[in-house]
Amino acid sequence: MVKLLHLSDIHMGSGFSHGHINPVTGLNSRLEDFTATLKRCIDRALSEPVDLVLFGGDAFPDATPSPVIQQAFAQQFQRLVQAQIPTVLLVGNHDQHSQGMGGASLCIYRTLGVPDIVVGDSLTTHRIETKAGPVQVITLPWLTHSTLLTRPETEGLSLGEVNELMLDRLRVALEGEIRQLEADIPSILLAHLMTDTASYGAEKFLAVGKGFTVPMALLARPCFDYVALGHVHKHQILCQSPLVVYPGSIERVDFSEEKEDKGFILADVQSGHTSVKFCPLPVRAFKTIEVDVSTADSPHAQLETALTQTNITDAVVRLVYKLNPAQIEQIDHAALHQVLTKAHSYTIHPELISQLTRPRLPELTADHSRDPLSALQTYLANREDLAKLSDDMLRTAQTLLNDEESNHELETALATDTANEKQNQQLRLL
């Protein structure tokens, strides 16, 4: 039996806007959060101890992290090297350059010949010797159209036809690796991808035009004793036989993950049987406080009450409140800031209710990173006149977002709709 730790989507260096500079270290407090959380994962790997560590991809927000961020990542994995615990580092979509190539930040481990570190930047099988015996790991990094297909092959094909061609290529390549597996050695598939049965957040749309969805039937093969996945930030078990598992990300990246538990997987793997345990991590809380004070006699008092009723100490806080123009002068902004100083960081988003103009949605402001579909959902939720059409619009948008060109068309359509709305508002004022 091989005991392993499976983690993914570290995203070291993300979320700096939700932190502040630590005057003692000179580092962003969110980088310190991510570093501390990764340390807890490695601590557990060493204390068990495990025989193998599997990392499911997306070490950093992009393919060119700063030296400080790379160092914070490397220092933790160096501890595994010192303990002689083999580790597989898979290349995810954020580890690649925009052209779908790269992963240099991870490939440096192979270039330097770091012992017991395997970099999975291609679809291939690795036989790894652990203290508990050998294990076979097929690595499947994030795949793009350019990875499997040439431009001439895709000319004149629809998006659906291109995706089918990609899946055909993947089936053939994966089958070639499966046929080489030794039946009496535990076999693991380590992959960074989107599956057709997973529950997605913003991950799917951040990768628009760069990847494709892989059917579960292609992954849940009886030849695998464990399928370790990365890419989706929400922990979920997609299949029991074999176990197909997303551990989720180890830290909250933004408010879209506010209600998600974060952690990693401990698994006992042997030929024909695998058991897993999700290990939650004590990560920093994200809290959204929404208050409508537009009809309140004492709007400021109501805001302060809402803040005091929520434990905001050391949390990343987003205060969203609605008010009418007559209440603007009744809000003591200095007092609000004073109450919010207990938070790790905070932002305040007032929504002015007016019969002449629609209130701006704080989720759609320039200060917030939103995927296109989530933005559309927020927009439609505030358009009662489009309620009957919202489901059809969302389905159409999801289809369009699978193609970079279509994604651009959707954004243009949204911009046009917004412009038309503003024009109609102006006409109503005349």
Protein backbone atom coordinates (compact mmCIF):
# COMPACT_ATOMS: atom_id res chain seq x y z
CA MET A 1 0.00 0.00 0.00
CA VAL A 2 1.25 3.43 -0.98
CA LYS A 3 0.25 6.37 1.22
CA LEU A 4 0.13 9.62 -0.72
CA LEU A 5 -0.78 13.27 -0.27
CA HIS A 6 -2.67 14.85 -3.15
CA LEU A 7 -2.91 18.64 -3.35
CA SER A 8 -3.54 21.04 -6.18
CA ASP A 9 -4.02 24.62 -7.32
CA ILE A 10 -1.66 26.33 -4.89
CA HIS A 11 -1.71 29.60 -6.86
CA MET A 12 1.20 30.99 -4.88
CA GLY A 13 1.20 34.76 -5.41
CA SER A 14 -2.55 35.19 -5.96
CA GLY A 15 -4.93 37.58 -4.28
CA PHE A 16 -2.50 40.34 -3.40
CA SER A 17 -5.34 42.87 -3.66
CA HIS A 18 -6.91 41.22 -0.61
CA GLY A 19 -3.81 41.69 1.53
CA HIS A 20 -1.40 44.37 2.72
CA ILE A 21 2.33 44.74 3.16
CA ASN A 22 3.70 43.27 6.36
CA PRO A 23 6.03 46.00 7.68
CA VAL A 24 8.25 43.40 9.37
CA THR A 25 8.85 41.11 6.38
CA GLY A 26 8.09 43.47 3.51
CA LEU A 27 5.90 40.75 1.97
CA ASN A 28 2.24 40.87 1.01
CA SER A 29 0.17 39.31 3.80
CA ARG A 30 -1.68 37.08 1.32
CA LEU A 31 1.62 35.64 0.08
CA GLU A 32 2.36 34.84 3.71
CA ASP A 33 -1.07 33.19 3.98
CA PHE A 34 -0.45 30.98 0.95
CA THR A 35 3.04 30.10 2.18
CA ALA A 36 1.79 29.16 5.64
CA THR A 37 -0.98 27.00 4.17
CA LEU A 38 1.40 25.19 1.84
CA LYS A 39 3.70 24.63 4.83
CA ARG A 40 0.83 22.93 6.68
CA CYS A 41 0.39 20.56 3.72
CA ILE A 42 4.08 19.67 3.67
CA ASP A 43 4.13 19.36 7.47
CA ARG A 44 1.41 16.72 7.19
CA ALA A 45 3.27 14.88 4.43
CA LEU A 46 6.33 14.68 6.68
CA SER A 47 4.51 13.78 9.89
CA GLU A 48 2.48 10.89 8.45
CA PRO A 49 4.88 10.23 6.70
CA VAL A 50 3.58 9.70 3.17
CA ASP A 51 5.33 7.72 0.47
CA LEU A 52 4.44 10.03 -2.41
CA VAL A 53 3.19 13.58 -2.99
CA LEU A 54 1.09 14.42 -6.06
CA PHE A 55 0.60 18.05 -7.08
CA GLY A 56 -2.23 18.55 -9.58
CA GLY A 57 -1.04 21.76 -11.28
CA ASP A 58 -1.32 25.56 -11.09
CA ALA A 59 1.57 26.34 -8.80
CA PHE A 60 1.40 30.07 -9.58
CA PRO A 61 -1.07 32.58 -11.09
CA ASP A 62 0.99 32.62 -14.31
CA ALA A 63 4.03 31.07 -15.97
CA THR A 64 6.48 33.79 -14.87
CA PRO A 65 6.22 34.27 -11.09
CA SER A 66 8.63 36.60 -9.36
CA PRO A 67 11.74 35.12 -7.70
CA VAL A 68 10.28 35.80 -4.23
CA ILE A 69 7.19 33.76 -5.05
CA GLN A 70 9.20 30.95 -6.65
CA GLN A 71 11.42 30.83 -3.59
CA ALA A 72 8.44 30.55 -1.23
CA PHE A 73 7.17 27.60 -3.28
CA ALA A 74 10.55 25.89 -3.65
CA GLN A 75 11.43 26.11 0.04
CA GLN A 76 8.47 23.96 0.96
CA PHE A 77 9.00 21.30 -1.68
CA GLN A 78 12.70 21.20 -0.82
CA ARG A 79 11.63 19.76 2.52
CA LEU A 80 10.18 16.75 0.67
CA VAL A 81 13.45 16.32 -1.21
CA GLN A 82 15.36 16.32 2.07
CA ALA A 83 12.99 13.68 3.46
CA GLN A 84 13.42 11.61 0.25
CA ILE A 85 9.69 11.65 -0.47
CA PRO A 86 9.11 11.42 -4.26
CA THR A 87 6.99 14.26 -5.63
CA VAL A 88 5.21 14.71 -8.97
CA LEU A 89 4.64 18.32 -10.09
CA LEU A 90 2.02 18.56 -12.84
CA VAL A 91 1.87 21.50 -15.25
CA GLY A 92 -1.51 23.25 -15.13
CA ASN A 93 -3.07 25.92 -17.34
CA HIS A 94 -1.73 28.79 -15.18
CA ASP A 95 1.76 27.29 -15.41
CA GLN A 96 1.72 27.69 -19.20
CA HIS A 97 2.40 30.72 -21.35
CA SER A 98 -0.45 32.13 -23.39
CA GLN A 99 0.64 30.05 -26.38
CA GLY A 100 0.02 26.88 -24.40
CA MET A 101 3.70 26.18 -23.89
CA GLY A 102 6.01 26.56 -20.99
CA GLY A 103 5.75 25.44 -17.41
CA ALA A 104 9.33 26.68 -17.08
CA SER A 105 8.80 27.58 -13.44
CA LEU A 106 8.24 23.87 -12.73
CA CYS A 107 10.50 22.41 -15.41
CA ILE A 108 13.50 24.00 -13.72
CA TYR A 109 13.34 21.16 -11.19
CA ARG A 110 13.98 18.66 -13.97
CA THR A 111 16.59 20.85 -15.62
CA LEU A 112 18.52 21.06 -12.35
CA GLY A 113 18.10 17.36 -11.74
CA VAL A 114 16.47 17.81 -8.35
CA PRO A 115 16.27 14.30 -6.87
CA ASP A 116 12.84 12.69 -6.33
CA ILE A 117 11.06 15.48 -8.25
CA VAL A 118 9.16 14.43 -11.38
CA VAL A 119 7.74 17.17 -13.63
CA GLY A 120 4.64 16.19 -15.58
CA ASP A 121 4.65 18.43 -18.62
CA SER A 122 3.62 15.75 -21.12
CA LEU A 123 1.32 12.76 -21.40
CA THR A 124 3.61 9.96 -20.30
CA THR A 125 3.98 7.23 -17.67
CA HIS A 126 6.42 7.51 -14.78
CA ARG A 127 7.48 4.51 -12.72
CA ILE A 128 8.30 5.88 -9.27
CA GLU A 129 10.07 3.96 -6.55
CA THR A 130 8.69 4.77 -3.11
CA LYS A 131 9.52 3.41 0.33
CA ALA A 132 6.33 1.34 0.11
CA GLY A 133 7.16 -0.04 -3.32
CA PRO A 134 6.81 1.03 -6.96
CA VAL A 135 3.86 3.03 -8.33
CA GLN A 136 2.92 4.01 -11.89
CA VAL A 137 1.78 7.57 -12.50
CA ILE A 138 0.44 8.72 -15.86
CA THR A 139 0.78 12.51 -16.06
CA LEU A 140 -1.75 14.43 -18.14
CA PRO A 141 -0.96 18.16 -18.07
CA TRP A 142 -3.33 20.87 -19.25
CA LEU A 143 -3.95 20.34 -22.95
CA THR A 144 -4.83 22.99 -25.52
CA HIS A 145 -5.85 22.84 -29.15
CA SER A 146 -2.29 23.57 -30.20
CA THR A 147 -1.01 20.70 -28.07
CA LEU A 148 -2.91 18.02 -29.99
CA LEU A 149 -3.74 19.60 -33.33
CA THR A 150 -2.14 21.62 -36.10
CA ARG A 151 -3.80 24.62 -37.70
CA PRO A 152 -4.36 22.91 -41.09
CA GLU A 153 -6.24 20.09 -39.33
CA THR A 154 -8.76 22.49 -37.84
CA GLU A 155 -9.42 24.68 -40.88
CA GLY A 156 -13.08 24.68 -41.83
CA LEU A 157 -14.15 22.74 -38.73
CA SER A 158 -16.71 23.89 -36.20
CA LEU A 159 -15.81 24.21 -32.54
CA GLY A 160 -17.64 20.98 -31.76
CA GLU A 161 -15.78 19.14 -34.51
CA VAL A 162 -12.44 20.47 -33.25
CA ASN A 163 -13.19 19.27 -29.72
CA GLU A 164 -14.20 15.83 -30.97
CA LEU A 165 -10.97 15.60 -32.92
CA MET A 166 -9.03 16.57 -29.79
CA LEU A 167 -10.80 13.92 -27.75
CA ASP A 168 -10.04 11.30 -30.40
CA ARG A 169 -6.35 12.20 -30.24
CA LEU A 170 -6.40 12.11 -26.46
CA ARG A 171 -8.12 8.71 -26.38
CA VAL A 172 -5.49 7.21 -28.64
CA ALA A 173 -2.58 8.73 -26.71
CA LEU A 174 -3.99 7.74 -23.30
CA GLU A 175 -4.76 4.22 -24.49
CA GLY A 176 -1.15 3.88 -25.60
CA GLU A 177 0.03 4.67 -22.06
CA ILE A 178 -2.56 2.39 -20.43
CA ARG A 179 -1.44 -0.61 -22.49
CA GLN A 180 2.06 -0.27 -21.04
CA LEU A 181 0.91 -0.39 -17.40
CA GLU A 182 2.00 -3.32 -15.26
CA ALA A 183 -1.04 -4.99 -13.75
CA ASP A 184 0.54 -5.83 -10.36
CA ILE A 185 1.73 -2.26 -9.61
CA PRO A 186 -0.63 0.49 -8.32
CA SER A 187 -1.59 2.81 -11.19
CA ILE A 188 -2.51 6.47 -10.86
CA LEU A 189 -3.70 9.05 -13.38
CA LEU A 190 -2.63 12.59 -12.42
CA ALA A 191 -4.42 15.11 -14.65
CA HIS A 192 -5.14 18.85 -14.83
CA LEU A 193 -8.39 19.21 -16.73
CA MET A 194 -12.08 19.97 -16.81
CA THR A 195 -14.48 17.03 -16.62
CA ASP A 196 -18.06 16.93 -17.81
CA THR A 197 -19.47 15.91 -14.42
CA ALA A 198 -17.68 18.39 -12.14
CA SER A 199 -19.18 21.42 -10.44
CA TYR A 200 -17.32 24.46 -11.74
CA GLY A 201 -16.68 27.94 -10.55
CA ALA A 202 -14.72 30.61 -12.35
CA GLU A 203 -12.02 28.06 -13.36
CA LYS A 204 -13.89 27.00 -16.46
CA PHE A 205 -14.18 30.47 -17.90
CA LEU A 206 -10.71 31.65 -17.00
CA ALA A 207 -9.51 28.99 -19.41
CA VAL A 208 -11.90 29.89 -22.24
CA GLY A 209 -10.50 29.13 -25.66
CA LYS A 210 -7.50 27.27 -24.25
CA GLY A 211 -8.83 23.88 -23.22
CA PHE A 212 -11.72 21.47 -23.54
CA THR A 213 -13.89 19.28 -21.37
CA VAL A 214 -12.93 15.64 -20.92
CA PRO A 215 -15.73 13.08 -20.43
CA MET A 216 -15.64 11.13 -17.18
CA ALA A 217 -15.77 7.84 -19.12
CA LEU A 218 -12.29 8.58 -20.41
CA LEU A 219 -10.90 8.92 -16.89
CA ALA A 220 -12.84 6.39 -14.79
CA ARG A 221 -11.03 3.35 -16.16
CA PRO A 222 -10.69 0.07 -14.20
CA CYS A 223 -6.95 0.08 -14.86
CA PHE A 224 -6.52 3.06 -12.52
CA ASP A 225 -6.42 2.64 -8.77
CA TYR A 226 -6.71 6.39 -8.23
CA VAL A 227 -7.43 9.37 -10.48
CA ALA A 228 -5.93 12.54 -9.00
CA LEU A 229 -7.24 15.72 -10.62
CA GLY A 230 -6.44 19.41 -10.53
CA HIS A 231 -7.93 22.62 -11.94
CA VAL A 232 -11.29 22.88 -10.14
CA HIS A 233 -10.98 24.80 -6.87
CA LYS A 234 -13.90 23.11 -5.11
CA HIS A 235 -13.20 19.75 -3.50
CA GLN A 236 -15.34 16.96 -4.95
CA ILE A 237 -15.31 13.20 -5.46
CA LEU A 238 -16.66 12.46 -8.93
CA CYS A 239 -16.50 8.68 -8.97
CA GLN A 240 -16.06 5.89 -6.42
CA SER A 241 -14.72 3.11 -8.64
CA PRO A 242 -12.08 4.15 -9.34
CA LEU A 243 -11.89 7.10 -7.02
CA VAL A 244 -11.77 10.29 -9.12
CA VAL A 245 -10.99 13.25 -6.90
CA TYR A 246 -10.50 17.01 -7.06
CA PRO A 247 -8.85 18.06 -3.78
CA GLY A 248 -9.67 21.69 -4.58
CA SER A 249 -7.36 24.64 -4.01
CA ILE A 250 -5.51 25.05 -0.71
CA GLU A 251 -6.42 28.73 -0.22
CA ARG A 252 -9.30 30.99 -1.19
CA VAL A 253 -8.29 33.00 -4.24
CA ASP A 254 -11.23 35.43 -4.25
CA PHE A 255 -14.82 35.87 -3.09
CA SER A 256 -16.13 33.27 -5.53
CA GLU A 257 -14.64 30.69 -3.12
CA GLU A 258 -16.05 32.34 0.00
CA LYS A 259 -18.15 29.34 1.06
CA GLU A 260 -15.78 26.55 -0.02
CA ASP A 261 -13.74 24.41 2.35
CA LYS A 262 -10.06 24.20 1.45
CA GLY A 263 -7.74 21.28 2.01
CA PHE A 264 -5.89 18.30 0.57
CA ILE A 265 -6.31 14.54 0.19
CA LEU A 266 -4.59 11.71 2.04
CA ALA A 267 -4.98 8.45 0.14
CA ASP A 268 -4.00 4.83 0.69
CA VAL A 269 -3.51 3.29 -2.73
CA GLN A 270 -3.02 -0.34 -3.61
CA SER A 271 -3.90 -2.47 -6.61
CA GLY A 272 -7.65 -2.99 -6.58
CA HIS A 273 -8.43 -0.81 -3.56
CA THR A 274 -8.02 2.84 -2.57
CA SER A 275 -9.33 4.91 0.35
CA VAL A 276 -9.19 8.70 0.67
CA LYS A 277 -9.59 11.30 3.40
CA PHE A 278 -10.18 15.02 2.87
CA CYS A 279 -8.09 17.09 5.29
CA PRO A 280 -9.47 20.64 5.77
CA LEU A 281 -7.07 23.54 6.17
CA PRO A 282 -7.58 26.55 8.50
CA VAL A 283 -7.49 29.25 5.82
CA ARG A 284 -8.39 32.92 6.03
CA ALA A 285 -12.11 33.64 5.88
CA PHE A 286 -13.74 35.70 3.12
CA LYS A 287 -17.01 37.37 4.14
CA THR A 288 -19.51 39.39 2.14
CA ILE A 289 -21.88 41.55 4.18
CA GLU A 290 -24.88 42.83 2.21
CA VAL A 291 -27.21 45.41 3.76
CA ASP A 292 -30.16 47.35 2.35
CA VAL A 293 -30.50 50.59 4.32
CA SER A 294 -32.49 52.45 1.67
CA THR A 295 -35.64 52.46 3.83
CA ALA A 296 -33.94 52.78 7.22
CA ASP A 297 -34.46 55.81 9.44
CA SER A 298 -30.91 55.45 10.76
CA PRO A 299 -28.94 53.94 7.88
CA HIS A 300 -25.54 54.30 9.52
CA ALA A 301 -26.69 52.61 12.72
CA GLN A 302 -28.07 49.72 10.67
CA LEU A 303 -24.74 49.36 8.88
CA GLU A 304 -22.79 49.28 12.12
CA THR A 305 -25.21 46.73 13.57
CA ALA A 306 -24.70 44.46 10.56
CA LEU A 307 -20.93 44.72 10.95
CA THR A 308 -20.95 44.01 14.68
CA GLN A 309 -23.21 40.98 14.19
CA THR A 310 -20.61 39.38 11.90
CA ASN A 311 -17.24 38.17 13.10
CA ILE A 312 -14.94 40.07 10.77
CA THR A 313 -11.74 39.77 12.81
CA ASP A 314 -8.82 38.90 10.49
CA ALA A 315 -11.21 38.16 7.62
CA VAL A 316 -11.19 39.56 4.09
CA VAL A 317 -14.41 41.57 4.09
CA ARG A 318 -16.61 43.02 1.38
CA LEU A 319 -19.33 45.41 2.59
CA VAL A 320 -22.09 46.00 0.04
CA TYR A 321 -24.94 48.30 1.01
CA LYS A 322 -27.87 49.98 -0.76
CA LEU A 323 -28.96 53.50 0.05
CA ASN A 324 -30.96 56.33 -1.52
CA PRO A 325 -29.54 59.75 -2.41
CA ALA A 326 -31.07 61.41 0.63
CA GLN A 327 -29.11 59.11 2.94
CA ILE A 328 -25.63 59.85 1.61
CA GLU A 329 -24.89 62.51 4.21
CA GLN A 330 -26.12 60.23 7.02
CA ILE A 331 -23.33 57.71 6.50
CA ASP A 332 -20.28 58.27 8.70
CA HIS A 333 -17.57 56.83 6.49
CA ALA A 334 -14.81 57.41 9.03
CA ALA A 335 -16.76 55.39 11.58
CA LEU A 336 -17.29 52.57 9.08
CA HIS A 337 -13.58 52.41 8.38
CA GLN A 338 -12.90 52.34 12.11
CA VAL A 339 -15.20 49.35 12.65
CA LEU A 340 -13.67 47.53 9.68
CA THR A 341 -10.10 47.89 10.95
CA LYS A 342 -10.60 44.56 12.74
CA ALA A 343 -10.69 42.88 9.33
CA HIS A 344 -7.55 41.67 7.59
CA SER A 345 -8.56 43.77 4.60
CA TYR A 346 -11.82 45.23 3.40
CA THR A 347 -13.62 47.01 0.61
CA ILE A 348 -16.79 49.09 0.75
CA HIS A 349 -19.28 49.15 -2.13
CA PRO A 350 -22.24 51.50 -1.77
CA GLU A 351 -25.09 51.08 -4.25
CA LEU A 352 -27.05 54.24 -4.86
CA ILE A 353 -30.72 53.54 -5.55
CA SER A 354 -32.22 56.00 -8.02
CA GLN A 355 -35.27 55.98 -10.20
CA LEU A 356 -33.31 57.63 -12.94
CA THR A 357 -30.37 55.27 -13.16
CA ARG A 358 -29.73 51.67 -12.31
CA PRO A 359 -27.41 51.05 -9.34
CA ARG A 360 -23.97 49.86 -10.27
CA LEU A 361 -23.27 46.32 -9.22
CA PRO A 362 -20.11 46.14 -7.11
CA GLU A 363 -19.38 42.68 -8.54
CA LEU A 364 -19.06 44.22 -11.99
CA THR A 365 -16.77 47.13 -11.17
CA ALA A 366 -13.21 47.35 -12.39
CA ASP A 367 -11.95 46.44 -8.94
CA HIS A 368 -13.28 42.89 -9.22
CA SER A 369 -12.04 40.12 -11.48
CA ARG A 370 -15.08 38.37 -12.92
CA ASP A 371 -15.41 35.63 -15.47
CA PRO A 372 -17.82 36.46 -18.33
CA LEU A 373 -20.55 33.98 -17.38
CA SER A 374 -20.56 35.04 -13.74
CA ALA A 375 -20.81 38.66 -14.81
CA LEU A 376 -23.74 37.83 -17.07
CA GLN A 377 -25.47 35.95 -14.23
CA THR A 378 -25.07 38.97 -11.95
CA TYR A 379 -26.36 41.28 -14.68
CA LEU A 380 -29.42 39.13 -15.40
CA ALA A 381 -30.22 38.73 -11.71
CA ASN A 382 -30.75 42.48 -11.63
CA ARG A 383 -32.89 42.62 -14.81
CA GLU A 384 -36.41 41.53 -13.94
CA ASP A 385 -37.51 42.29 -17.50
CA LEU A 386 -35.17 39.59 -18.80
CA ALA A 387 -36.14 36.91 -16.27
CA LYS A 388 -37.96 34.74 -18.82
CA LEU A 389 -34.99 34.84 -21.17
CA SER A 390 -32.17 34.44 -18.63
CA ASP A 391 -31.87 30.62 -18.83
CA ASP A 392 -31.65 30.66 -22.63
CA MET A 393 -29.18 33.53 -22.56
CA LEU A 394 -26.95 31.74 -20.06
CA ARG A 395 -26.97 28.52 -22.08
CA THR A 396 -26.10 30.40 -25.23
CA ALA A 397 -23.36 32.31 -23.42
CA GLN A 398 -21.84 29.11 -22.08
CA THR A 399 -21.65 27.72 -25.62
CA LEU A 400 -20.10 30.90 -26.96
CA LEU A 401 -17.53 31.06 -24.18
CA ASN A 402 -15.92 27.82 -25.32
CA ASP A 403 -14.43 29.70 -28.24
CA GLU A 404 -12.16 32.74 -27.92
CA GLU A 405 -13.78 34.43 -30.89
CA SER A 406 -17.27 33.74 -29.60
CA ASN A 407 -16.22 34.94 -26.18
CA HIS A 408 -15.24 38.25 -27.72
CA GLU A 409 -18.62 38.45 -29.47
CA LEU A 410 -20.42 37.87 -26.14
CA GLU A 411 -18.49 40.64 -24.43
CA THR A 412 -19.28 42.96 -27.32
CA ALA A 413 -22.97 42.06 -27.07
CA LEU A 414 -23.01 42.80 -23.36
CA ALA A 415 -21.29 46.12 -23.93
CA THR A 416 -23.80 46.99 -26.65
CA ASP A 417 -26.72 46.09 -24.39
CA THR A 418 -25.33 48.27 -21.62
CA ALA A 419 -24.84 51.15 -24.06
CA ASN A 420 -28.39 50.78 -25.38
CA GLU A 421 -29.72 50.78 -21.83
CA LYS A 422 -27.86 54.01 -21.05
CA GLN A 423 -29.18 55.56 -24.29
CA ASN A 424 -32.76 54.60 -23.39
CA GLN A 425 -32.29 56.10 -19.95
CA GLN A 426 -31.14 59.34 -21.52
CA LEU A 427 -34.14 59.35 -23.85
CA ARG A 428 -36.47 58.85 -20.90
CA LEU A 429 -34.94 61.90 -19.26
CA LEU A 430 -35.68 64.11 -22.30
